[in-house]
């Protein structure tokens, strides 16, 4: 996956990148970072038990896709000299902890976590895709967002198929996780 430079497809954009594009790259990097941490936390629980190895395998596949997204955003941040969010260490701990807690609650709760996170993230990507529509200078970045959004939708659909909505206290769990994601997005754009 050799993606950057993107936004305008030249390597010398860095200081010319608009503040809004910097926010987009920063927050998307943070989101992918958090997603990888969640899957790692879930696998730390499920990977230790022979009965849950199947879900651990599915989570590993989703984590691998999220890692590809994270790697692409790492490259974009470096290429365009955009600083990552200062909240990275907190998002890592929070994401890993969320993964562990939902896995300890059971497979359906872990899937409910995935469904909630991916619902917020795919909507976030959709908003960015809409924002960049009609801007040919950002067509490559928009295409990246479209590709990554499709992956997030796929993860969400897997989680639903695996019983996310049957998790204990699904409604509450989903609302809390979605609220946390929305807060993380707003904070990561700026800090």
C-alpha atoms as a PDB file:
ATOM      1  CA  UNK A   1       0.000   0.000   0.000  1.00  0.00           C
ATOM      2  CA  UNK A   2       1.952   2.970  -1.301  1.00  0.00           C
ATOM      3  CA  UNK A   3      -0.514   5.821  -0.964  1.00  0.00           C
ATOM      4  CA  UNK A   4       0.953   9.273  -0.108  1.00  0.00           C
ATOM      5  CA  UNK A   5       1.384  12.064  -1.119  1.00  0.00           C
ATOM      6  CA  UNK A   6      -2.404  12.505  -1.810  1.00  0.00           C
ATOM      7  CA  UNK A   7      -4.203  15.778  -1.165  1.00  0.00           C
ATOM      8  CA  UNK A   8      -2.824  17.457  -4.287  1.00  0.00           C
ATOM      9  CA  UNK A   9      -0.593  14.565  -5.402  1.00  0.00           C
ATOM     10  CA  UNK A  10       2.680  16.415  -4.986  1.00  0.00           C
ATOM     11  CA  UNK A  11       5.185  15.886  -2.236  1.00  0.00           C
ATOM     12  CA  UNK A  12       5.698  19.587  -1.544  1.00  0.00           C
ATOM     13  CA  UNK A  13       2.294  20.501  -0.133  1.00  0.00           C
ATOM     14  CA  UNK A  14       2.964  20.338   3.602  1.00  0.00           C
ATOM     15  CA  UNK A  15       2.643  23.994   4.661  1.00  0.00           C
ATOM     16  CA  UNK A  16       0.051  24.660   1.926  1.00  0.00           C
ATOM     17  CA  UNK A  17      -2.364  22.108   3.380  1.00  0.00           C
ATOM     18  CA  UNK A  18      -5.473  23.893   4.623  1.00  0.00           C
ATOM     19  CA  UNK A  19      -6.266  23.825   8.332  1.00  0.00           C
ATOM     20  CA  UNK A  20      -9.399  21.777   7.564  1.00  0.00           C
ATOM     21  CA  UNK A  21      -7.429  19.108   5.659  1.00  0.00           C
ATOM     22  CA  UNK A  22      -4.957  18.971   8.539  1.00  0.00           C
ATOM     23  CA  UNK A  23      -7.869  18.347  10.922  1.00  0.00           C
ATOM     24  CA  UNK A  24      -9.229  15.624   8.651  1.00  0.00           C
ATOM     25  CA  UNK A  25      -5.918  13.797   8.523  1.00  0.00           C
ATOM     26  CA  UNK A  26      -5.304  14.206  12.257  1.00  0.00           C
ATOM     27  CA  UNK A  27      -8.727  12.954  13.344  1.00  0.00           C
ATOM     28  CA  UNK A  28      -8.806  10.078  10.859  1.00  0.00           C
ATOM     29  CA  UNK A  29      -5.373   8.973  12.029  1.00  0.00           C
ATOM     30  CA  UNK A  30      -6.615   9.096  15.637  1.00  0.00           C
ATOM     31  CA  UNK A  31      -9.706   7.075  14.757  1.00  0.00           C
ATOM     32  CA  UNK A  32      -7.745   4.334  13.063  1.00  0.00           C
ATOM     33  CA  UNK A  33      -5.281   4.322  15.963  1.00  0.00           C
ATOM     34  CA  UNK A  34      -8.153   3.848  18.399  1.00  0.00           C
ATOM     35  CA  UNK A  35      -9.728   1.103  16.275  1.00  0.00           C
ATOM     36  CA  UNK A  36      -6.491  -0.886  16.231  1.00  0.00           C
ATOM     37  CA  UNK A  37      -6.263  -0.529  20.030  1.00  0.00           C
ATOM     38  CA  UNK A  38      -9.849  -1.769  20.503  1.00  0.00           C
ATOM     39  CA  UNK A  39      -9.231  -4.874  18.393  1.00  0.00           C
ATOM     40  CA  UNK A  40      -5.983  -5.562  20.250  1.00  0.00           C
ATOM     41  CA  UNK A  41      -7.832  -5.389  23.568  1.00  0.00           C
ATOM     42  CA  UNK A  42     -10.545  -7.731  22.353  1.00  0.00           C
ATOM     43  CA  UNK A  43      -8.026 -10.202  21.010  1.00  0.00           C
ATOM     44  CA  UNK A  44      -6.121 -10.132  24.293  1.00  0.00           C
ATOM     45  CA  UNK A  45      -9.229 -11.666  25.860  1.00  0.00           C
ATOM     46  CA  UNK A  46     -10.540 -13.869  23.067  1.00  0.00           C
ATOM     47  CA  UNK A  47      -7.184 -15.120  21.809  1.00  0.00           C
ATOM     48  CA  UNK A  48      -6.459 -16.955  25.065  1.00  0.00           C
ATOM     49  CA  UNK A  49      -9.434 -19.297  24.962  1.00  0.00           C
ATOM     50  CA  UNK A  50      -9.868 -22.134  22.463  1.00  0.00           C
ATOM     51  CA  UNK A  51     -13.649 -21.565  22.446  1.00  0.00           C
ATOM     52  CA  UNK A  52     -13.252 -17.966  21.297  1.00  0.00           C
ATOM     53  CA  UNK A  53     -10.472 -18.422  18.769  1.00  0.00           C
ATOM     54  CA  UNK A  54     -12.926 -18.019  15.872  1.00  0.00           C
ATOM     55  CA  UNK A  55     -13.968 -14.528  16.956  1.00  0.00           C
ATOM     56  CA  UNK A  56     -10.318 -13.707  17.665  1.00  0.00           C
ATOM     57  CA  UNK A  57      -9.520 -14.676  14.070  1.00  0.00           C
ATOM     58  CA  UNK A  58     -12.295 -12.420  12.695  1.00  0.00           C
ATOM     59  CA  UNK A  59     -11.142  -9.565  14.897  1.00  0.00           C
ATOM     60  CA  UNK A  60      -7.561 -10.056  13.703  1.00  0.00           C
ATOM     61  CA  UNK A  61      -8.719  -9.716  10.099  1.00  0.00           C
ATOM     62  CA  UNK A  62     -10.572  -6.490  10.896  1.00  0.00           C
ATOM     63  CA  UNK A  63      -7.585  -5.216  12.868  1.00  0.00           C
ATOM     64  CA  UNK A  64      -5.336  -5.875   9.878  1.00  0.00           C
ATOM     65  CA  UNK A  65      -7.560  -3.676   7.697  1.00  0.00           C
ATOM     66  CA  UNK A  66      -7.586  -0.964  10.349  1.00  0.00           C
ATOM     67  CA  UNK A  67      -3.791  -1.218  10.551  1.00  0.00           C
ATOM     68  CA  UNK A  68      -3.593  -0.623   6.793  1.00  0.00           C
ATOM     69  CA  UNK A  69      -5.699   2.496   7.255  1.00  0.00           C
ATOM     70  CA  UNK A  70      -3.499   3.617  10.149  1.00  0.00           C
ATOM     71  CA  UNK A  71      -0.348   3.038   8.108  1.00  0.00           C
ATOM     72  CA  UNK A  72      -1.779   5.148   5.271  1.00  0.00           C
ATOM     73  CA  UNK A  73      -2.582   7.979   7.673  1.00  0.00           C
ATOM     74  CA  UNK A  74       0.859   7.664   9.307  1.00  0.00           C
ATOM     75  CA  UNK A  75       2.365   8.198   5.861  1.00  0.00           C
ATOM     76  CA  UNK A  76       0.042  11.114   5.111  1.00  0.00           C
ATOM     77  CA  UNK A  77       0.829  12.834   8.401  1.00  0.00           C
ATOM     78  CA  UNK A  78       4.553  12.436   7.767  1.00  0.00           C
ATOM     79  CA  UNK A  79       4.391  13.512   4.140  1.00  0.00           C
ATOM     80  CA  UNK A  80       2.339  16.619   4.876  1.00  0.00           C
ATOM     81  CA  UNK A  81       3.961  17.400   8.211  1.00  0.00           C
ATOM     82  CA  UNK A  82       0.694  17.226  10.119  1.00  0.00           C
ATOM     83  CA  UNK A  83       1.057  16.533  13.809  1.00  0.00           C
ATOM     84  CA  UNK A  84      -0.964  13.659  15.222  1.00  0.00           C
ATOM     85  CA  UNK A  85      -3.387  14.335  18.049  1.00  0.00           C
ATOM     86  CA  UNK A  86      -1.763  14.908  21.419  1.00  0.00           C
ATOM     87  CA  UNK A  87      -4.460  12.584  22.783  1.00  0.00           C
ATOM     88  CA  UNK A  88      -2.881   9.496  21.168  1.00  0.00           C
ATOM     89  CA  UNK A  89      -1.669   7.904  24.421  1.00  0.00           C
ATOM     90  CA  UNK A  90      -5.085   8.380  26.032  1.00  0.00           C
ATOM     91  CA  UNK A  91      -6.898   7.004  22.958  1.00  0.00           C
ATOM     92  CA  UNK A  92      -4.598   3.979  23.011  1.00  0.00           C
ATOM     93  CA  UNK A  93      -5.383   3.195  26.661  1.00  0.00           C
ATOM     94  CA  UNK A  94      -9.092   3.969  26.247  1.00  0.00           C
ATOM     95  CA  UNK A  95      -9.377   1.915  23.066  1.00  0.00           C
ATOM     96  CA  UNK A  96      -7.531  -1.061  24.487  1.00  0.00           C
ATOM     97  CA  UNK A  97      -9.574  -0.849  27.692  1.00  0.00           C
ATOM     98  CA  UNK A  98     -12.832  -0.652  25.748  1.00  0.00           C
ATOM     99  CA  UNK A  99     -11.762  -3.712  23.775  1.00  0.00           C
ATOM    100  CA  UNK A 100     -10.929  -5.687  26.912  1.00  0.00           C
ATOM    101  CA  UNK A 101     -14.109  -4.676  28.766  1.00  0.00           C
ATOM    102  CA  UNK A 102     -16.447  -5.465  25.882  1.00  0.00           C
ATOM    103  CA  UNK A 103     -14.697  -8.787  25.250  1.00  0.00           C
ATOM    104  CA  UNK A 104     -15.055  -9.703  28.918  1.00  0.00           C
ATOM    105  CA  UNK A 105     -18.771  -8.960  28.574  1.00  0.00           C
ATOM    106  CA  UNK A 106     -18.940 -11.574  25.824  1.00  0.00           C
ATOM    107  CA  UNK A 107     -18.792 -11.988  22.073  1.00  0.00           C
ATOM    108  CA  UNK A 108     -22.039 -10.120  21.406  1.00  0.00           C
ATOM    109  CA  UNK A 109     -20.856  -7.145  23.460  1.00  0.00           C
ATOM    110  CA  UNK A 110     -17.588  -7.105  21.517  1.00  0.00           C
ATOM    111  CA  UNK A 111     -19.598  -7.063  18.308  1.00  0.00           C
ATOM    112  CA  UNK A 112     -21.819  -4.314  19.736  1.00  0.00           C
ATOM    113  CA  UNK A 113     -18.666  -2.276  20.333  1.00  0.00           C
ATOM    114  CA  UNK A 114     -17.567  -2.811  16.724  1.00  0.00           C
ATOM    115  CA  UNK A 115     -21.029  -1.937  15.421  1.00  0.00           C
ATOM    116  CA  UNK A 116     -21.188   1.290  17.459  1.00  0.00           C
ATOM    117  CA  UNK A 117     -17.668   2.448  16.587  1.00  0.00           C
ATOM    118  CA  UNK A 118     -17.961   1.604  12.900  1.00  0.00           C
ATOM    119  CA  UNK A 119     -21.361   3.310  12.640  1.00  0.00           C
ATOM    120  CA  UNK A 120     -19.860   6.573  13.885  1.00  0.00           C
ATOM    121  CA  UNK A 121     -16.687   6.241  11.817  1.00  0.00           C
ATOM    122  CA  UNK A 122     -18.424   5.387   8.553  1.00  0.00           C
ATOM    123  CA  UNK A 123     -20.705   8.412   9.032  1.00  0.00           C
ATOM    124  CA  UNK A 124     -17.657  10.564   9.765  1.00  0.00           C
ATOM    125  CA  UNK A 125     -15.987   9.378   6.549  1.00  0.00           C
ATOM    126  CA  UNK A 126     -19.248   9.978   4.635  1.00  0.00           C
ATOM    127  CA  UNK A 127     -19.309  13.577   5.870  1.00  0.00           C
ATOM    128  CA  UNK A 128     -15.704  14.083   4.767  1.00  0.00           C
ATOM    129  CA  UNK A 129     -16.454  12.504   1.385  1.00  0.00           C
ATOM    130  CA  UNK A 130     -19.357  14.931   0.947  1.00  0.00           C
ATOM    131  CA  UNK A 131     -17.175  17.843   2.039  1.00  0.00           C
ATOM    132  CA  UNK A 132     -14.538  17.045  -0.590  1.00  0.00           C
ATOM    133  CA  UNK A 133     -17.023  16.449  -3.411  1.00  0.00           C
ATOM    134  CA  UNK A 134     -16.431  18.754  -6.347  1.00  0.00           C
ATOM    135  CA  UNK A 135     -12.840  19.497  -5.299  1.00  0.00           C
ATOM    136  CA  UNK A 136     -10.728  17.823  -7.981  1.00  0.00           C
ATOM    137  CA  UNK A 137      -7.516  18.805  -6.201  1.00  0.00           C
ATOM    138  CA  UNK A 138      -8.581  16.473  -3.374  1.00  0.00           C
ATOM    139  CA  UNK A 139     -10.018  13.654  -5.484  1.00  0.00           C
ATOM    140  CA  UNK A 140      -7.349  11.157  -4.383  1.00  0.00           C
ATOM    141  CA  UNK A 141      -7.964  11.849  -0.697  1.00  0.00           C
ATOM    142  CA  UNK A 142     -11.712  11.554  -1.251  1.00  0.00           C
ATOM    143  CA  UNK A 143     -11.178   8.172  -2.929  1.00  0.00           C
ATOM    144  CA  UNK A 144      -9.141   7.026   0.079  1.00  0.00           C
ATOM    145  CA  UNK A 145     -11.983   8.036   2.370  1.00  0.00           C
ATOM    146  CA  UNK A 146     -14.459   6.147   0.162  1.00  0.00           C
ATOM    147  CA  UNK A 147     -12.301   3.005   0.256  1.00  0.00           C
ATOM    148  CA  UNK A 148     -11.836   3.154   4.025  1.00  0.00           C
ATOM    149  CA  UNK A 149     -15.539   3.862   4.589  1.00  0.00           C
ATOM    150  CA  UNK A 150     -16.397   0.692   2.674  1.00  0.00           C
ATOM    151  CA  UNK A 151     -14.114  -1.290   4.995  1.00  0.00           C
ATOM    152  CA  UNK A 152     -15.811   0.251   8.038  1.00  0.00           C
ATOM    153  CA  UNK A 153     -19.257  -0.621   6.655  1.00  0.00           C
ATOM    154  CA  UNK A 154     -18.087  -4.188   6.106  1.00  0.00           C
ATOM    155  CA  UNK A 155     -16.875  -4.426   9.727  1.00  0.00           C
ATOM    156  CA  UNK A 156     -20.167  -3.001  10.982  1.00  0.00           C
ATOM    157  CA  UNK A 157     -22.152  -5.487   8.892  1.00  0.00           C
ATOM    158  CA  UNK A 158     -20.095  -8.419  10.222  1.00  0.00           C
ATOM    159  CA  UNK A 159     -20.737  -7.250  13.781  1.00  0.00           C
ATOM    160  CA  UNK A 160     -24.477  -7.035  13.175  1.00  0.00           C
ATOM    161  CA  UNK A 161     -24.534 -10.481  11.543  1.00  0.00           C
ATOM    162  CA  UNK A 162     -22.687 -11.881  14.560  1.00  0.00           C
ATOM    163  CA  UNK A 163     -25.325 -10.618  16.999  1.00  0.00           C
ATOM    164  CA  UNK A 164     -24.209  -7.134  18.056  1.00  0.00           C
ATOM    165  CA  UNK A 165     -27.774  -6.046  18.750  1.00  0.00           C
ATOM    166  CA  UNK A 166     -28.322  -9.064  21.022  1.00  0.00           C
ATOM    167  CA  UNK A 167     -25.644  -7.901  23.473  1.00  0.00           C
ATOM    168  CA  UNK A 168     -26.642  -7.337  27.095  1.00  0.00           C
ATOM    169  CA  UNK A 169     -27.781  -3.717  27.527  1.00  0.00           C
ATOM    170  CA  UNK A 170     -27.152  -3.153  23.813  1.00  0.00           C
ATOM    171  CA  UNK A 171     -28.934   0.209  23.666  1.00  0.00           C
ATOM    172  CA  UNK A 172     -27.014   1.692  26.564  1.00  0.00           C
ATOM    173  CA  UNK A 173     -23.697   0.171  25.479  1.00  0.00           C
ATOM    174  CA  UNK A 174     -24.132   1.452  21.940  1.00  0.00           C
ATOM    175  CA  UNK A 175     -25.104   4.979  23.049  1.00  0.00           C
ATOM    176  CA  UNK A 176     -22.147   5.255  25.443  1.00  0.00           C
ATOM    177  CA  UNK A 177     -19.630   4.041  22.857  1.00  0.00           C
ATOM    178  CA  UNK A 178     -21.044   6.293  20.130  1.00  0.00           C
ATOM    179  CA  UNK A 179     -20.945   9.303  22.471  1.00  0.00           C
ATOM    180  CA  UNK A 180     -17.326   8.516  23.316  1.00  0.00           C
ATOM    181  CA  UNK A 181     -16.474   8.320  19.612  1.00  0.00           C
ATOM    182  CA  UNK A 182     -18.103  11.674  18.887  1.00  0.00           C
ATOM    183  CA  UNK A 183     -16.180  13.298  21.739  1.00  0.00           C
ATOM    184  CA  UNK A 184     -12.907  11.729  20.557  1.00  0.00           C
ATOM    185  CA  UNK A 185     -13.514  13.068  17.032  1.00  0.00           C
ATOM    186  CA  UNK A 186     -14.097  16.634  18.235  1.00  0.00           C
ATOM    187  CA  UNK A 187     -11.119  16.589  20.583  1.00  0.00           C
ATOM    188  CA  UNK A 188      -8.744  14.963  18.072  1.00  0.00           C
ATOM    189  CA  UNK A 189      -9.507  17.520  15.377  1.00  0.00           C
ATOM    190  CA  UNK A 190      -8.167  20.311  17.575  1.00  0.00           C
ATOM    191  CA  UNK A 191      -5.760  18.859  20.127  1.00  0.00           C
END
